[in-house]
Full PDB file with SEQRES, HELIX, SHEET, SSBOND, CRYST1, ORIGX, SCALE, CONECT and MASTER records, all heavy atoms in Angstrom:
SEQRES   1 A   32  HIS PHE GLU LYS TYR TYR GLU GLN MET LYS LYS GLN GLY          
SEQRES   2 A   32  ASP ILE GLN GLY VAL ILE ASN ALA MET THR HIS LEU ASP          
SEQRES   3 A   32  VAL LEU ALA PRO SER GLN                                      
HELIX    1 AA1 PHE A    2  GLN A   12  1                                  11    
HELIX    2 AA2 ILE A   15  LEU A   28  1                                  14    
CRYST1    1.000    1.000    1.000  90.00  90.00  90.00 P 1           1          
ORIGX1      1.000000  0.000000  0.000000        0.00000                         
ORIGX2      0.000000  1.000000  0.000000        0.00000                         
ORIGX3      0.000000  0.000000  1.000000        0.00000                         
SCALE1      1.000000  0.000000  0.000000        0.00000                         
SCALE2      0.000000  1.000000  0.000000        0.00000                         
SCALE3      0.000000  0.000000  1.000000        0.00000                         
ATOM      1  N   HIS A   1     103.337  86.748 104.963  1.00  0.00           N  
ATOM      2  CA  HIS A   1     102.410  86.674 103.862  1.00  0.00           C  
ATOM      3  C   HIS A   1     102.100  88.011 103.430  1.00  0.00           C  
ATOM      4  O   HIS A   1     102.076  88.446 102.245  1.00  0.00           O  
ATOM      5  CB  HIS A   1     101.178  85.828 104.284  1.00  0.00           C  
ATOM      6  CG  HIS A   1     100.037  86.023 103.271  1.00  0.00           C  
ATOM      7  ND1 HIS A   1     100.007  85.541 102.081  1.00  0.00           N  
ATOM      8  CD2 HIS A   1      98.901  86.836 103.448  1.00  0.00           C  
ATOM      9  CE1 HIS A   1      98.831  85.952 101.352  1.00  0.00           C  
ATOM     10  NE2 HIS A   1      98.150  86.634 102.218  1.00  0.00           N  
ATOM     11  N   PHE A   2     101.669  88.806 104.344  1.00  0.00           N  
ATOM     12  CA  PHE A   2     101.128  90.170 104.142  1.00  0.00           C  
ATOM     13  C   PHE A   2     102.250  91.049 103.595  1.00  0.00           C  
ATOM     14  O   PHE A   2     102.007  92.104 102.862  1.00  0.00           O  
ATOM     15  CB  PHE A   2     100.249  90.798 105.284  1.00  0.00           C  
ATOM     16  CG  PHE A   2      98.865  90.190 105.264  1.00  0.00           C  
ATOM     17  CD1 PHE A   2      98.572  89.361 106.284  1.00  0.00           C  
ATOM     18  CD2 PHE A   2      97.932  90.483 104.257  1.00  0.00           C  
ATOM     19  CE1 PHE A   2      97.184  88.790 106.332  1.00  0.00           C  
ATOM     20  CE2 PHE A   2      96.634  90.010 104.326  1.00  0.00           C  
ATOM     21  CZ  PHE A   2      96.340  89.127 105.314  1.00  0.00           C  
ATOM     22  N   GLU A   3     103.453  90.876 104.105  1.00  0.00           N  
ATOM     23  CA  GLU A   3     104.563  91.502 103.606  1.00  0.00           C  
ATOM     24  C   GLU A   3     104.774  91.387 102.177  1.00  0.00           C  
ATOM     25  O   GLU A   3     105.096  92.248 101.351  1.00  0.00           O  
ATOM     26  CB  GLU A   3     105.855  91.234 104.550  1.00  0.00           C  
ATOM     27  CG  GLU A   3     105.800  91.977 105.891  1.00  0.00           C  
ATOM     28  CD  GLU A   3     106.986  91.398 106.801  1.00  0.00           C  
ATOM     29  OE1 GLU A   3     107.640  90.430 106.387  1.00  0.00           O  
ATOM     30  OE2 GLU A   3     107.079  91.948 107.893  1.00  0.00           O  
ATOM     31  N   LYS A   4     104.785  90.049 101.796  1.00  0.00           N  
ATOM     32  CA  LYS A   4     104.877  89.698 100.416  1.00  0.00           C  
ATOM     33  C   LYS A   4     103.697  90.216  99.516  1.00  0.00           C  
ATOM     34  O   LYS A   4     103.912  90.752  98.486  1.00  0.00           O  
ATOM     35  CB  LYS A   4     104.979  88.083 100.234  1.00  0.00           C  
ATOM     36  CG  LYS A   4     106.268  87.582 100.777  1.00  0.00           C  
ATOM     37  CD  LYS A   4     106.270  86.001 100.544  1.00  0.00           C  
ATOM     38  CE  LYS A   4     107.425  85.463 101.121  1.00  0.00           C  
ATOM     39  NZ  LYS A   4     107.522  83.938 101.013  1.00  0.00           N  
ATOM     40  N   TYR A   5     102.423  90.211 100.185  1.00  0.00           N  
ATOM     41  CA  TYR A   5     101.305  90.602  99.469  1.00  0.00           C  
ATOM     42  C   TYR A   5     101.413  92.187  99.169  1.00  0.00           C  
ATOM     43  O   TYR A   5     101.125  92.788  98.139  1.00  0.00           O  
ATOM     44  CB  TYR A   5     100.173  90.342 100.344  1.00  0.00           C  
ATOM     45  CG  TYR A   5      98.763  90.825  99.875  1.00  0.00           C  
ATOM     46  CD1 TYR A   5      98.187  90.298  98.718  1.00  0.00           C  
ATOM     47  CD2 TYR A   5      98.183  91.962 100.367  1.00  0.00           C  
ATOM     48  CE1 TYR A   5      97.058  90.659  98.177  1.00  0.00           C  
ATOM     49  CE2 TYR A   5      96.931  92.330  99.889  1.00  0.00           C  
ATOM     50  CZ  TYR A   5      96.423  91.756  98.775  1.00  0.00           C  
ATOM     51  OH  TYR A   5      95.129  92.134  98.246  1.00  0.00           O  
ATOM     52  N   TYR A   6     101.997  92.957 100.216  1.00  0.00           N  
ATOM     53  CA  TYR A   6     102.193  94.427 100.155  1.00  0.00           C  
ATOM     54  C   TYR A   6     103.129  94.687  98.952  1.00  0.00           C  
ATOM     55  O   TYR A   6     102.848  95.551  98.181  1.00  0.00           O  
ATOM     56  CB  TYR A   6     102.654  94.821 101.464  1.00  0.00           C  
ATOM     57  CG  TYR A   6     103.208  96.284 101.512  1.00  0.00           C  
ATOM     58  CD1 TYR A   6     102.276  97.354 101.453  1.00  0.00           C  
ATOM     59  CD2 TYR A   6     104.573  96.493 101.657  1.00  0.00           C  
ATOM     60  CE1 TYR A   6     102.782  98.643 101.300  1.00  0.00           C  
ATOM     61  CE2 TYR A   6     105.028  97.869 101.506  1.00  0.00           C  
ATOM     62  CZ  TYR A   6     104.068  98.947 101.476  1.00  0.00           C  
ATOM     63  OH  TYR A   6     104.569 100.174 101.435  1.00  0.00           O  
ATOM     64  N   GLU A   7     104.236  94.046  98.931  1.00  0.00           N  
ATOM     65  CA  GLU A   7     105.213  94.281  97.876  1.00  0.00           C  
ATOM     66  C   GLU A   7     104.592  93.930  96.433  1.00  0.00           C  
ATOM     67  O   GLU A   7     104.903  94.673  95.510  1.00  0.00           O  
ATOM     68  CB  GLU A   7     106.481  93.343  98.126  1.00  0.00           C  
ATOM     69  CG  GLU A   7     107.320  93.842  99.314  1.00  0.00           C  
ATOM     70  CD  GLU A   7     107.839  95.190  99.212  1.00  0.00           C  
ATOM     71  OE1 GLU A   7     108.084  95.754  98.172  1.00  0.00           O  
ATOM     72  OE2 GLU A   7     107.910  95.799 100.391  1.00  0.00           O  
ATOM     73  N   GLN A   8     103.757  92.785  96.298  1.00  0.00           N  
ATOM     74  CA  GLN A   8     103.170  92.494  95.086  1.00  0.00           C  
ATOM     75  C   GLN A   8     102.126  93.641  94.693  1.00  0.00           C  
ATOM     76  O   GLN A   8     102.140  94.019  93.591  1.00  0.00           O  
ATOM     77  CB  GLN A   8     102.534  91.223  95.250  1.00  0.00           C  
ATOM     78  CG  GLN A   8     102.006  90.704  93.850  1.00  0.00           C  
ATOM     79  CD  GLN A   8     103.021  90.511  92.834  1.00  0.00           C  
ATOM     80  OE1 GLN A   8     104.141  90.016  93.190  1.00  0.00           O  
ATOM     81  NE2 GLN A   8     102.724  90.713  91.519  1.00  0.00           N  
ATOM     82  N   MET A   9     101.450  94.091  95.675  1.00  0.00           N  
ATOM     83  CA  MET A   9     100.436  95.156  95.368  1.00  0.00           C  
ATOM     84  C   MET A   9     101.061  96.373  94.877  1.00  0.00           C  
ATOM     85  O   MET A   9     100.591  97.181  93.979  1.00  0.00           O  
ATOM     86  CB  MET A   9      99.494  95.399  96.567  1.00  0.00           C  
ATOM     87  CG  MET A   9      98.558  94.275  96.866  1.00  0.00           C  
ATOM     88  SD  MET A   9      97.443  93.814  95.567  1.00  0.00           S  
ATOM     89  CE  MET A   9      98.264  92.421  94.796  1.00  0.00           C  
ATOM     90  N   LYS A  10     102.218  96.811  95.528  1.00  0.00           N  
ATOM     91  CA  LYS A  10     103.010  97.987  95.075  1.00  0.00           C  
ATOM     92  C   LYS A  10     103.469  97.746  93.695  1.00  0.00           C  
ATOM     93  O   LYS A  10     103.410  98.690  92.911  1.00  0.00           O  
ATOM     94  CB  LYS A  10     104.090  98.162  95.974  1.00  0.00           C  
ATOM     95  CG  LYS A  10     103.825  98.892  97.392  1.00  0.00           C  
ATOM     96  CD  LYS A  10     105.059  99.573  97.826  1.00  0.00           C  
ATOM     97  CE  LYS A  10     106.260  98.738  98.153  1.00  0.00           C  
ATOM     98  NZ  LYS A  10     107.381  99.354  98.829  1.00  0.00           N  
ATOM     99  N   LYS A  11     103.949  96.518  93.394  1.00  0.00           N  
ATOM    100  CA  LYS A  11     104.481  96.341  92.054  1.00  0.00           C  
ATOM    101  C   LYS A  11     103.389  96.454  90.958  1.00  0.00           C  
ATOM    102  O   LYS A  11     103.548  96.939  89.816  1.00  0.00           O  
ATOM    103  CB  LYS A  11     105.086  94.942  92.058  1.00  0.00           C  
ATOM    104  CG  LYS A  11     105.844  94.535  90.801  1.00  0.00           C  
ATOM    105  CD  LYS A  11     106.338  93.100  90.783  1.00  0.00           C  
ATOM    106  CE  LYS A  11     107.421  92.950  91.904  1.00  0.00           C  
ATOM    107  NZ  LYS A  11     107.972  91.605  91.822  1.00  0.00           N  
ATOM    108  N   GLN A  12     102.130  96.041  91.318  1.00  0.00           N  
ATOM    109  CA  GLN A  12     100.993  96.129  90.406  1.00  0.00           C  
ATOM    110  C   GLN A  12     100.259  97.424  90.395  1.00  0.00           C  
ATOM    111  O   GLN A  12      99.456  97.602  89.478  1.00  0.00           O  
ATOM    112  CB  GLN A  12      99.998  94.982  90.788  1.00  0.00           C  
ATOM    113  CG  GLN A  12     100.483  93.582  90.603  1.00  0.00           C  
ATOM    114  CD  GLN A  12      99.623  92.520  91.105  1.00  0.00           C  
ATOM    115  OE1 GLN A  12     100.025  91.383  91.409  1.00  0.00           O  
ATOM    116  NE2 GLN A  12      98.306  92.847  91.261  1.00  0.00           N  
ATOM    117  N   GLY A  13     100.661  98.264  91.270  1.00  0.00           N  
ATOM    118  CA  GLY A  13     100.123  99.643  91.352  1.00  0.00           C  
ATOM    119  C   GLY A  13      98.724  99.544  91.946  1.00  0.00           C  
ATOM    120  O   GLY A  13      97.790 100.383  91.598  1.00  0.00           O  
ATOM    121  N   ASP A  14      98.317  98.423  92.722  1.00  0.00           N  
ATOM    122  CA  ASP A  14      97.070  98.241  93.273  1.00  0.00           C  
ATOM    123  C   ASP A  14      96.924  99.005  94.576  1.00  0.00           C  
ATOM    124  O   ASP A  14      97.321  98.454  95.584  1.00  0.00           O  
ATOM    125  CB  ASP A  14      96.760  96.805  93.310  1.00  0.00           C  
ATOM    126  CG  ASP A  14      95.378  96.499  93.790  1.00  0.00           C  
ATOM    127  OD1 ASP A  14      94.618  97.301  94.438  1.00  0.00           O  
ATOM    128  OD2 ASP A  14      94.810  95.342  93.411  1.00  0.00           O  
ATOM    129  N   ILE A  15      96.417 100.245  94.533  1.00  0.00           N  
ATOM    130  CA  ILE A  15      96.391 100.994  95.753  1.00  0.00           C  
ATOM    131  C   ILE A  15      95.505 100.517  96.881  1.00  0.00           C  
ATOM    132  O   ILE A  15      95.925 100.409  97.986  1.00  0.00           O  
ATOM    133  CB  ILE A  15      95.834 102.433  95.455  1.00  0.00           C  
ATOM    134  CG1 ILE A  15      96.797 103.158  94.512  1.00  0.00           C  
ATOM    135  CG2 ILE A  15      95.823 103.310  96.799  1.00  0.00           C  
ATOM    136  CD1 ILE A  15      98.206 103.269  94.901  1.00  0.00           C  
ATOM    137  N   GLN A  16      94.326  99.856  96.530  1.00  0.00           N  
ATOM    138  CA  GLN A  16      93.482  99.322  97.461  1.00  0.00           C  
ATOM    139  C   GLN A  16      94.032  98.045  98.066  1.00  0.00           C  
ATOM    140  O   GLN A  16      94.044  97.765  99.284  1.00  0.00           O  
ATOM    141  CB  GLN A  16      92.017  98.992  96.931  1.00  0.00           C  
ATOM    142  CG  GLN A  16      91.073  98.397  97.971  1.00  0.00           C  
ATOM    143  CD  GLN A  16      90.885  99.328  99.084  1.00  0.00           C  
ATOM    144  OE1 GLN A  16      90.676 100.599  98.833  1.00  0.00           O  
ATOM    145  NE2 GLN A  16      91.058  98.929 100.280  1.00  0.00           N  
ATOM    146  N   GLY A  17      94.890  97.322  97.179  1.00  0.00           N  
ATOM    147  CA  GLY A  17      95.600  96.122  97.742  1.00  0.00           C  
ATOM    148  C   GLY A  17      96.638  96.532  98.687  1.00  0.00           C  
ATOM    149  O   GLY A  17      96.943  95.834  99.813  1.00  0.00           O  
ATOM    150  N   VAL A  18      97.399  97.676  98.435  1.00  0.00           N  
ATOM    151  CA  VAL A  18      98.455  98.177  99.362  1.00  0.00           C  
ATOM    152  C   VAL A  18      97.823  98.492 100.751  1.00  0.00           C  
ATOM    153  O   VAL A  18      98.341  98.304 101.733  1.00  0.00           O  
ATOM    154  CB  VAL A  18      99.130  99.505  98.696  1.00  0.00           C  
ATOM    155  CG1 VAL A  18      99.913 100.188  99.844  1.00  0.00           C  
ATOM    156  CG2 VAL A  18      99.994  99.059  97.569  1.00  0.00           C  
ATOM    157  N   ILE A  19      96.560  99.193 100.651  1.00  0.00           N  
ATOM    158  CA  ILE A  19      95.931  99.677 101.904  1.00  0.00           C  
ATOM    159  C   ILE A  19      95.438  98.412 102.597  1.00  0.00           C  
ATOM    160  O   ILE A  19      95.616  98.375 103.919  1.00  0.00           O  
ATOM    161  CB  ILE A  19      94.642 100.439 101.480  1.00  0.00           C  
ATOM    162  CG1 ILE A  19      95.079 101.842 101.013  1.00  0.00           C  
ATOM    163  CG2 ILE A  19      93.774 100.617 102.680  1.00  0.00           C  
ATOM    164  CD1 ILE A  19      93.954 102.795 100.415  1.00  0.00           C  
ATOM    165  N   ASN A  20      94.889  97.318 102.042  1.00  0.00           N  
ATOM    166  CA  ASN A  20      94.462  96.140 102.753  1.00  0.00           C  
ATOM    167  C   ASN A  20      95.704  95.441 103.377  1.00  0.00           C  
ATOM    168  O   ASN A  20      95.670  95.099 104.531  1.00  0.00           O  
ATOM    169  CB  ASN A  20      93.869  95.214 101.661  1.00  0.00           C  
ATOM    170  CG  ASN A  20      92.612  95.734 101.154  1.00  0.00           C  
ATOM    171  OD1 ASN A  20      91.936  96.593 101.717  1.00  0.00           O  
ATOM    172  ND2 ASN A  20      92.064  95.076 100.061  1.00  0.00           N  
ATOM    173  N   ALA A  21      96.785  95.398 102.612  1.00  0.00           N  
ATOM    174  CA  ALA A  21      98.056  94.766 103.120  1.00  0.00           C  
ATOM    175  C   ALA A  21      98.525  95.467 104.356  1.00  0.00           C  
ATOM    176  O   ALA A  21      98.856  94.832 105.397  1.00  0.00           O  
ATOM    177  CB  ALA A  21      99.080  94.595 102.132  1.00  0.00           C  
ATOM    178  N   MET A  22      98.586  96.770 104.322  1.00  0.00           N  
ATOM    179  CA  MET A  22      99.070  97.595 105.406  1.00  0.00           C  
ATOM    180  C   MET A  22      98.213  97.525 106.632  1.00  0.00           C  
ATOM    181  O   MET A  22      98.715  97.616 107.698  1.00  0.00           O  
ATOM    182  CB  MET A  22      99.362  99.091 104.966  1.00  0.00           C  
ATOM    183  CG  MET A  22     100.436  99.229 103.972  1.00  0.00           C  
ATOM    184  SD  MET A  22     100.838 100.926 103.681  1.00  0.00           S  
ATOM    185  CE  MET A  22     101.622 101.337 105.254  1.00  0.00           C  
ATOM    186  N   THR A  23      96.917  97.449 106.369  1.00  0.00           N  
ATOM    187  CA  THR A  23      95.895  97.451 107.431  1.00  0.00           C  
ATOM    188  C   THR A  23      96.206  96.047 108.219  1.00  0.00           C  
ATOM    189  O   THR A  23      96.200  96.091 109.436  1.00  0.00           O  
ATOM    190  CB  THR A  23      94.484  97.504 106.983  1.00  0.00           C  
ATOM    191  OG1 THR A  23      94.437  98.666 106.316  1.00  0.00           O  
ATOM    192  CG2 THR A  23      93.613  97.368 108.176  1.00  0.00           C  
ATOM    193  N   HIS A  24      96.359  94.931 107.482  1.00  0.00           N  
ATOM    194  CA  HIS A  24      96.582  93.674 108.098  1.00  0.00           C  
ATOM    195  C   HIS A  24      97.874  93.661 108.895  1.00  0.00           C  
ATOM    196  O   HIS A  24      97.972  93.192 109.976  1.00  0.00           O  
ATOM    197  CB  HIS A  24      96.576  92.534 106.989  1.00  0.00           C  
ATOM    198  CG  HIS A  24      95.154  92.167 106.630  1.00  0.00           C  
ATOM    199  ND1 HIS A  24      94.523  92.679 105.584  1.00  0.00           N  
ATOM    200  CD2 HIS A  24      94.402  91.262 107.104  1.00  0.00           C  
ATOM    201  CE1 HIS A  24      93.381  92.099 105.414  1.00  0.00           C  
ATOM    202  NE2 HIS A  24      93.217  91.048 106.427  1.00  0.00           N  
ATOM    203  N   LEU A  25      98.883  94.290 108.275  1.00  0.00           N  
ATOM    204  CA  LEU A  25     100.224  94.275 108.977  1.00  0.00           C  
ATOM    205  C   LEU A  25     100.138  95.112 110.263  1.00  0.00           C  
ATOM    206  O   LEU A  25     100.759  94.723 111.228  1.00  0.00           O  
ATOM    207  CB  LEU A  25     101.213  94.876 107.953  1.00  0.00           C  
ATOM    208  CG  LEU A  25     101.710  93.921 106.825  1.00  0.00           C  
ATOM    209  CD1 LEU A  25     102.488  94.755 105.884  1.00  0.00           C  
ATOM    210  CD2 LEU A  25     102.520  92.793 107.412  1.00  0.00           C  
ATOM    211  N   ASP A  26      99.350  96.187 110.226  1.00  0.00           N  
ATOM    212  CA  ASP A  26      99.306  97.031 111.452  1.00  0.00           C  
ATOM    213  C   ASP A  26      98.530  96.292 112.514  1.00  0.00           C  
ATOM    214  O   ASP A  26      98.749  96.517 113.634  1.00  0.00           O  
ATOM    215  CB  ASP A  26      98.667  98.397 111.136  1.00  0.00           C  
ATOM    216  CG  ASP A  26      98.809  99.374 112.212  1.00  0.00           C  
ATOM    217  OD1 ASP A  26      99.940  99.575 112.673  1.00  0.00           O  
ATOM    218  OD2 ASP A  26      97.769  99.929 112.665  1.00  0.00           O  
ATOM    219  N   VAL A  27      97.578  95.506 112.089  1.00  0.00           N  
ATOM    220  CA  VAL A  27      96.848  94.720 113.076  1.00  0.00           C  
ATOM    221  C   VAL A  27      97.730  93.542 113.758  1.00  0.00           C  
ATOM    222  O   VAL A  27      97.801  93.452 114.972  1.00  0.00           O  
ATOM    223  CB  VAL A  27      95.710  94.023 112.507  1.00  0.00           C  
ATOM    224  CG1 VAL A  27      95.051  92.977 113.428  1.00  0.00           C  
ATOM    225  CG2 VAL A  27      94.522  95.047 112.119  1.00  0.00           C  
ATOM    226  N   LEU A  28      98.655  93.087 112.868  1.00  0.00           N  
ATOM    227  CA  LEU A  28      99.448  91.896 113.354  1.00  0.00           C  
ATOM    228  C   LEU A  28     100.713  92.571 114.097  1.00  0.00           C  
ATOM    229  O   LEU A  28     101.101  91.955 115.216  1.00  0.00           O  
ATOM    230  CB  LEU A  28     100.122  91.189 112.127  1.00  0.00           C  
ATOM    231  CG  LEU A  28      99.024  90.298 111.427  1.00  0.00           C  
ATOM    232  CD1 LEU A  28      99.589  89.908 110.161  1.00  0.00           C  
ATOM    233  CD2 LEU A  28      98.719  89.012 112.366  1.00  0.00           C  
ATOM    234  N   ALA A  29     101.191  93.709 113.697  1.00  0.00           N  
ATOM    235  CA  ALA A  29     102.425  94.285 114.303  1.00  0.00           C  
ATOM    236  C   ALA A  29     102.169  95.756 114.343  1.00  0.00           C  
ATOM    237  O   ALA A  29     102.743  96.491 113.485  1.00  0.00           O  
ATOM    238  CB  ALA A  29     103.650  93.963 113.649  1.00  0.00           C  
ATOM    239  N   PRO A  30     101.397  96.309 115.182  1.00  0.00           N  
ATOM    240  CA  PRO A  30     101.032  97.706 115.285  1.00  0.00           C  
ATOM    241  C   PRO A  30     102.370  98.583 115.357  1.00  0.00           C  
ATOM    242  O   PRO A  30     103.310  98.285 116.247  1.00  0.00           O  
ATOM    243  CB  PRO A  30     100.121  97.855 116.491  1.00  0.00           C  
ATOM    244  CG  PRO A  30      99.589  96.559 116.736  1.00  0.00           C  
ATOM    245  CD  PRO A  30     100.689  95.597 116.397  1.00  0.00           C  
ATOM    246  N   SER A  31     102.433  99.737 114.656  1.00  0.00           N  
ATOM    247  CA  SER A  31     103.460 100.693 114.895  1.00  0.00           C  
ATOM    248  C   SER A  31     102.938 102.040 114.313  1.00  0.00           C  
ATOM    249  O   SER A  31     102.152 102.127 113.436  1.00  0.00           O  
ATOM    250  CB  SER A  31     104.725 100.298 114.135  1.00  0.00           C  
ATOM    251  OG  SER A  31     104.621 100.535 112.844  1.00  0.00           O  
ATOM    252  N   GLN A  32     103.430 103.190 114.870  1.00  0.00           N  
ATOM    253  CA  GLN A  32     103.017 104.564 114.570  1.00  0.00           C  
ATOM    254  C   GLN A  32     103.583 104.740 113.092  1.00  0.00           C  
ATOM    255  O   GLN A  32     102.777 105.402 112.274  1.00  0.00           O  
ATOM    256  CB  GLN A  32     103.531 105.546 115.519  1.00  0.00           C  
ATOM    257  CG  GLN A  32     102.833 106.904 115.271  1.00  0.00           C  
ATOM    258  CD  GLN A  32     101.495 106.961 115.365  1.00  0.00           C  
ATOM    259  OE1 GLN A  32     100.814 106.476 116.263  1.00  0.00           O  
ATOM    260  NE2 GLN A  32     100.789 107.483 114.379  1.00  0.00           N  
TER     261      GLN A  32                                                      
MASTER        0    0    0    2    0    0    0    6  260    1    0    3          
END                                                                             
């Protein structure tokens, strides 16, 4: 879900949305 949300936020140019999506993804699957 958040991977799709991330791609959609990038497409819309919504920076805060990108940040929110990446934060959730890092919580779910942390990586450096």
